[in-house]
Every structure is written in structure tokens, then in C-alpha cells.
Amino acid sequence: MPATVELVAACSDLVGSVLSIDLGVGAEVGASSVLAVIESMKMEIPILAETEGRVHSILVAQGDQVDAGSVVAWIEPALAGRPAPAEAGS
């Protein structure tokens, strides 16, 4: 039976509008890689990956409104034996 992998949520900290989606599904990310940018009160706030791994899914599109705590993307954490991304943010 294959091992179950727990996905890690990348969430918006504030209410705002999705300004950009910076990485796509399947992209390798390092901890602190920018996944998307939210605009709130004329400030741009990055949504960061909290762990290294791969983008499993993106739940928002550019222009979408998000609430504080909304899940923006799911990250599949890097597994033992799978190489880590060569560079954070790549």
C-alpha cells in the first residue's frame, strides 16, 4: 500500500485580491518560495511555501478575492530520498 502524504496549506494572512500566481502546479519549491502575491490596502503581500516540496494544487486565480486564512495552494512536502529543489523559488 502506498504511503499517504500529508499536504501542507499555503494560506493568505489577510483579506485581499490575488495580484499574481508565481508558480504552477508541479513546480518545485523551497521553504519561503513565493507562490502568489496578495494585494491588500495597496500593499503587496507574498504567500510563501512553508516547506520544500512540489506545488500540488492552486486554489485561486489572479483577481480572486481571498479572506484571511484562505488556502491559496497545497504543497506536497519533499520526501526522504527525493532531491530537494536546487534553488528556493525556482
N, C-alpha and C. Protein backbone atom coordinates (compact mmCIF):
# COMPACT_ATOMS: atom_id res chain seq x y z
N MET A 1 0.84 -1.18 0.00
CA MET A 1 0.00 0.00 0.00
C MET A 1 0.88 1.24 0.00
N PRO A 2 0.62 2.21 -0.91
CA PRO A 2 1.47 3.41 -0.96
C PRO A 2 1.32 4.26 0.29
N ALA A 3 2.40 4.94 0.64
CA ALA A 3 2.37 5.82 1.81
C ALA A 3 1.49 7.03 1.53
N THR A 4 0.77 7.47 2.54
CA THR A 4 -0.07 8.66 2.43
C THR A 4 0.78 9.88 2.74
N VAL A 5 0.67 10.91 1.90
CA VAL A 5 1.43 12.14 2.09
C VAL A 5 0.47 13.23 2.57
N GLU A 6 0.82 13.86 3.67
CA GLU A 6 0.03 14.97 4.19
C GLU A 6 0.43 16.23 3.43
N LEU A 7 -0.54 16.89 2.81
CA LEU A 7 -0.28 18.14 2.11
C LEU A 7 -0.20 19.29 3.10
N VAL A 8 0.57 20.32 2.76
CA VAL A 8 0.75 21.49 3.61
C VAL A 8 0.06 22.67 2.93
N ALA A 9 -0.79 23.37 3.66
CA ALA A 9 -1.52 24.51 3.11
C ALA A 9 -0.65 25.76 3.11
N ALA A 10 -0.77 26.53 2.03
CA ALA A 10 -0.20 27.88 1.97
C ALA A 10 -1.39 28.82 2.01
N CYS A 11 -1.47 29.65 3.05
CA CYS A 11 -2.67 30.45 3.30
C CYS A 11 -2.39 31.95 3.24
N SER A 12 -3.43 32.69 2.92
CA SER A 12 -3.37 34.15 2.96
C SER A 12 -3.49 34.60 4.41
N ASP A 13 -2.67 35.57 4.78
CA ASP A 13 -2.74 36.11 6.14
C ASP A 13 -3.76 37.24 6.25
N LEU A 14 -4.14 37.81 5.10
CA LEU A 14 -5.00 38.99 5.09
C LEU A 14 -6.12 38.84 4.08
N VAL A 15 -7.14 39.66 4.21
CA VAL A 15 -8.17 39.80 3.19
C VAL A 15 -7.55 40.62 2.06
N GLY A 16 -7.77 40.19 0.83
CA GLY A 16 -7.22 40.95 -0.28
C GLY A 16 -7.56 40.32 -1.61
N SER A 17 -6.88 40.79 -2.65
CA SER A 17 -7.09 40.34 -4.01
C SER A 17 -5.81 39.66 -4.51
N VAL A 18 -5.95 38.55 -5.22
CA VAL A 18 -4.78 37.85 -5.76
C VAL A 18 -4.22 38.69 -6.90
N LEU A 19 -3.02 39.21 -6.70
CA LEU A 19 -2.36 40.04 -7.69
C LEU A 19 -1.64 39.18 -8.72
N SER A 20 -0.99 38.10 -8.26
CA SER A 20 -0.28 37.21 -9.19
C SER A 20 -0.15 35.82 -8.60
N ILE A 21 -0.05 34.85 -9.49
CA ILE A 21 0.29 33.47 -9.14
C ILE A 21 1.68 33.26 -9.73
N ASP A 22 2.67 33.01 -8.88
CA ASP A 22 4.05 32.99 -9.33
C ASP A 22 4.59 31.62 -9.73
N LEU A 23 3.96 30.54 -9.27
CA LEU A 23 4.40 29.19 -9.61
C LEU A 23 3.20 28.35 -9.98
N GLY A 24 3.42 27.34 -10.82
CA GLY A 24 2.33 26.48 -11.25
C GLY A 24 2.36 25.12 -10.57
N VAL A 25 1.31 24.36 -10.82
CA VAL A 25 1.21 23.00 -10.29
C VAL A 25 2.41 22.20 -10.80
N GLY A 26 3.02 21.46 -9.89
CA GLY A 26 4.18 20.64 -10.22
C GLY A 26 5.52 21.32 -10.01
N ALA A 27 5.50 22.64 -9.80
CA ALA A 27 6.75 23.37 -9.59
C ALA A 27 7.38 22.94 -8.27
N GLU A 28 8.69 22.81 -8.28
CA GLU A 28 9.41 22.51 -7.04
C GLU A 28 9.62 23.82 -6.29
N VAL A 29 9.42 23.77 -4.98
CA VAL A 29 9.56 24.96 -4.14
C VAL A 29 10.46 24.66 -2.96
N GLY A 30 11.11 25.68 -2.48
CA GLY A 30 11.86 25.61 -1.24
C GLY A 30 11.04 26.31 -0.17
N ALA A 31 11.39 26.08 1.08
CA ALA A 31 10.71 26.81 2.15
C ALA A 31 10.92 28.30 1.88
N SER A 32 9.88 29.07 1.97
CA SER A 32 9.88 30.51 1.73
C SER A 32 9.84 30.91 0.26
N SER A 33 9.63 29.97 -0.66
CA SER A 33 9.42 30.34 -2.06
C SER A 33 8.10 31.09 -2.18
N VAL A 34 8.06 32.11 -3.01
CA VAL A 34 6.84 32.89 -3.22
C VAL A 34 5.92 32.12 -4.17
N LEU A 35 4.72 31.81 -3.70
CA LEU A 35 3.73 31.10 -4.51
C LEU A 35 2.79 32.07 -5.22
N ALA A 36 2.41 33.12 -4.52
CA ALA A 36 1.46 34.10 -5.05
C ALA A 36 1.66 35.40 -4.29
N VAL A 37 1.05 36.46 -4.83
CA VAL A 37 1.10 37.76 -4.17
C VAL A 37 -0.33 38.26 -4.02
N ILE A 38 -0.66 38.70 -2.80
CA ILE A 38 -1.97 39.25 -2.47
C ILE A 38 -1.82 40.76 -2.32
N GLU A 39 -2.76 41.51 -2.88
CA GLU A 39 -2.78 42.95 -2.68
C GLU A 39 -3.85 43.28 -1.64
N SER A 40 -3.44 43.99 -0.60
CA SER A 40 -4.35 44.37 0.47
C SER A 40 -3.98 45.77 0.94
N MET A 41 -4.95 46.67 0.92
CA MET A 41 -4.72 48.05 1.35
C MET A 41 -3.52 48.67 0.63
N LYS A 42 -3.44 48.40 -0.68
CA LYS A 42 -2.39 48.94 -1.57
C LYS A 42 -1.00 48.43 -1.23
N MET A 43 -0.93 47.34 -0.46
CA MET A 43 0.36 46.70 -0.17
C MET A 43 0.37 45.34 -0.86
N GLU A 44 1.54 44.90 -1.27
CA GLU A 44 1.70 43.58 -1.88
C GLU A 44 2.30 42.63 -0.85
N ILE A 45 1.56 41.56 -0.56
CA ILE A 45 1.98 40.60 0.48
C ILE A 45 2.21 39.24 -0.18
N PRO A 46 3.44 38.70 -0.10
CA PRO A 46 3.69 37.39 -0.69
C PRO A 46 3.08 36.26 0.13
N ILE A 47 2.61 35.23 -0.56
CA ILE A 47 2.18 33.99 0.08
C ILE A 47 3.35 33.02 -0.11
N LEU A 48 3.91 32.52 0.96
CA LEU A 48 5.12 31.70 0.91
C LEU A 48 4.84 30.23 1.17
N ALA A 49 5.63 29.38 0.54
CA ALA A 49 5.62 27.96 0.87
C ALA A 49 6.25 27.81 2.24
N GLU A 50 5.67 26.99 3.08
CA GLU A 50 6.21 26.81 4.43
C GLU A 50 7.14 25.61 4.51
N THR A 51 7.24 24.86 3.41
CA THR A 51 8.09 23.68 3.40
C THR A 51 8.60 23.47 1.98
N GLU A 52 9.68 22.74 1.83
CA GLU A 52 10.12 22.42 0.48
C GLU A 52 9.32 21.25 -0.05
N GLY A 53 9.14 21.22 -1.34
CA GLY A 53 8.37 20.16 -1.96
C GLY A 53 7.92 20.58 -3.35
N ARG A 54 6.69 20.16 -3.72
CA ARG A 54 6.12 20.49 -5.03
C ARG A 54 4.73 21.06 -4.84
N VAL A 55 4.37 21.99 -5.75
CA VAL A 55 3.02 22.55 -5.72
C VAL A 55 2.07 21.45 -6.18
N HIS A 56 1.15 21.06 -5.30
CA HIS A 56 0.17 20.02 -5.60
C HIS A 56 -1.04 20.61 -6.32
N SER A 57 -1.53 21.74 -5.81
CA SER A 57 -2.68 22.40 -6.44
C SER A 57 -2.71 23.87 -6.04
N ILE A 58 -3.32 24.66 -6.92
CA ILE A 58 -3.52 26.09 -6.67
C ILE A 58 -5.02 26.32 -6.68
N LEU A 59 -5.54 26.94 -5.64
CA LEU A 59 -6.98 27.06 -5.46
C LEU A 59 -7.54 28.42 -5.83
N VAL A 60 -6.69 29.35 -6.26
CA VAL A 60 -7.14 30.69 -6.61
C VAL A 60 -6.60 31.07 -7.99
N ALA A 61 -7.17 32.14 -8.53
CA ALA A 61 -6.70 32.69 -9.80
C ALA A 61 -6.45 34.18 -9.61
N GLN A 62 -5.68 34.75 -10.51
CA GLN A 62 -5.42 36.18 -10.46
C GLN A 62 -6.76 36.93 -10.45
N GLY A 63 -6.87 37.91 -9.56
CA GLY A 63 -8.09 38.70 -9.44
C GLY A 63 -9.07 38.19 -8.41
N ASP A 64 -8.92 36.94 -7.94
CA ASP A 64 -9.82 36.39 -6.92
C ASP A 64 -9.67 37.16 -5.61
N GLN A 65 -10.76 37.27 -4.88
CA GLN A 65 -10.74 37.83 -3.53
C GLN A 65 -10.51 36.68 -2.55
N VAL A 66 -9.66 36.91 -1.56
CA VAL A 66 -9.40 35.89 -0.54
C VAL A 66 -9.63 36.49 0.84
N ASP A 67 -10.01 35.64 1.77
CA ASP A 67 -10.16 36.04 3.16
C ASP A 67 -8.91 35.65 3.94
N ALA A 68 -8.73 36.23 5.10
CA ALA A 68 -7.64 35.82 5.97
C ALA A 68 -7.82 34.35 6.31
N GLY A 69 -6.78 33.57 6.14
CA GLY A 69 -6.83 32.14 6.42
C GLY A 69 -7.23 31.28 5.24
N SER A 70 -7.58 31.91 4.11
CA SER A 70 -7.95 31.13 2.91
C SER A 70 -6.75 30.34 2.40
N VAL A 71 -7.00 29.09 2.04
CA VAL A 71 -5.94 28.28 1.44
C VAL A 71 -5.77 28.72 -0.01
N VAL A 72 -4.56 29.11 -0.35
CA VAL A 72 -4.23 29.57 -1.69
C VAL A 72 -3.67 28.41 -2.52
N ALA A 73 -2.88 27.56 -1.89
CA ALA A 73 -2.26 26.42 -2.59
C ALA A 73 -1.96 25.32 -1.59
N TRP A 74 -1.83 24.11 -2.13
CA TRP A 74 -1.40 22.95 -1.34
C TRP A 74 -0.03 22.51 -1.82
N ILE A 75 0.86 22.24 -0.86
CA ILE A 75 2.23 21.80 -1.16
C ILE A 75 2.39 20.35 -0.72
N GLU A 76 2.94 19.53 -1.61
CA GLU A 76 3.32 18.16 -1.26
C GLU A 76 4.75 18.22 -0.76
N PRO A 77 4.97 17.96 0.53
CA PRO A 77 6.32 18.07 1.09
C PRO A 77 7.30 17.12 0.41
N ALA A 78 8.57 17.54 0.37
CA ALA A 78 9.63 16.69 -0.17
C ALA A 78 9.73 15.44 0.70
N LEU A 79 9.91 14.30 0.08
CA LEU A 79 10.02 13.04 0.80
C LEU A 79 11.48 12.63 0.88
N ALA A 80 11.80 11.85 1.89
CA ALA A 80 13.16 11.33 2.02
C ALA A 80 13.52 10.59 0.75
N GLY A 81 14.70 10.86 0.23
CA GLY A 81 15.14 10.18 -0.98
C GLY A 81 14.83 10.94 -2.25
N ARG A 82 13.90 11.92 -2.19
CA ARG A 82 13.62 12.74 -3.35
C ARG A 82 14.46 13.99 -3.24
N PRO A 83 15.17 14.37 -4.29
CA PRO A 83 16.04 15.54 -4.18
C PRO A 83 15.26 16.81 -3.90
N ALA A 84 15.85 17.69 -3.10
CA ALA A 84 15.26 18.99 -2.79
C ALA A 84 15.46 19.91 -3.99
N PRO A 85 14.67 20.97 -4.10
CA PRO A 85 14.85 21.92 -5.19
C PRO A 85 16.26 22.49 -5.18
N ALA A 86 16.82 22.72 -6.37
CA ALA A 86 18.18 23.23 -6.48
C ALA A 86 18.29 24.63 -5.92
N GLU A 87 17.21 25.41 -6.05
CA GLU A 87 17.24 26.79 -5.59
C GLU A 87 15.85 27.18 -5.13
N ALA A 88 15.75 27.77 -3.95
CA ALA A 88 14.44 28.21 -3.45
C ALA A 88 13.86 29.23 -4.42
N GLY A 89 12.59 29.06 -4.73
CA GLY A 89 11.93 29.99 -5.64
C GLY A 89 12.04 29.61 -7.09
N SER A 90 12.71 28.52 -7.40
CA SER A 90 12.86 28.10 -8.80
C SER A 90 11.62 27.41 -9.26
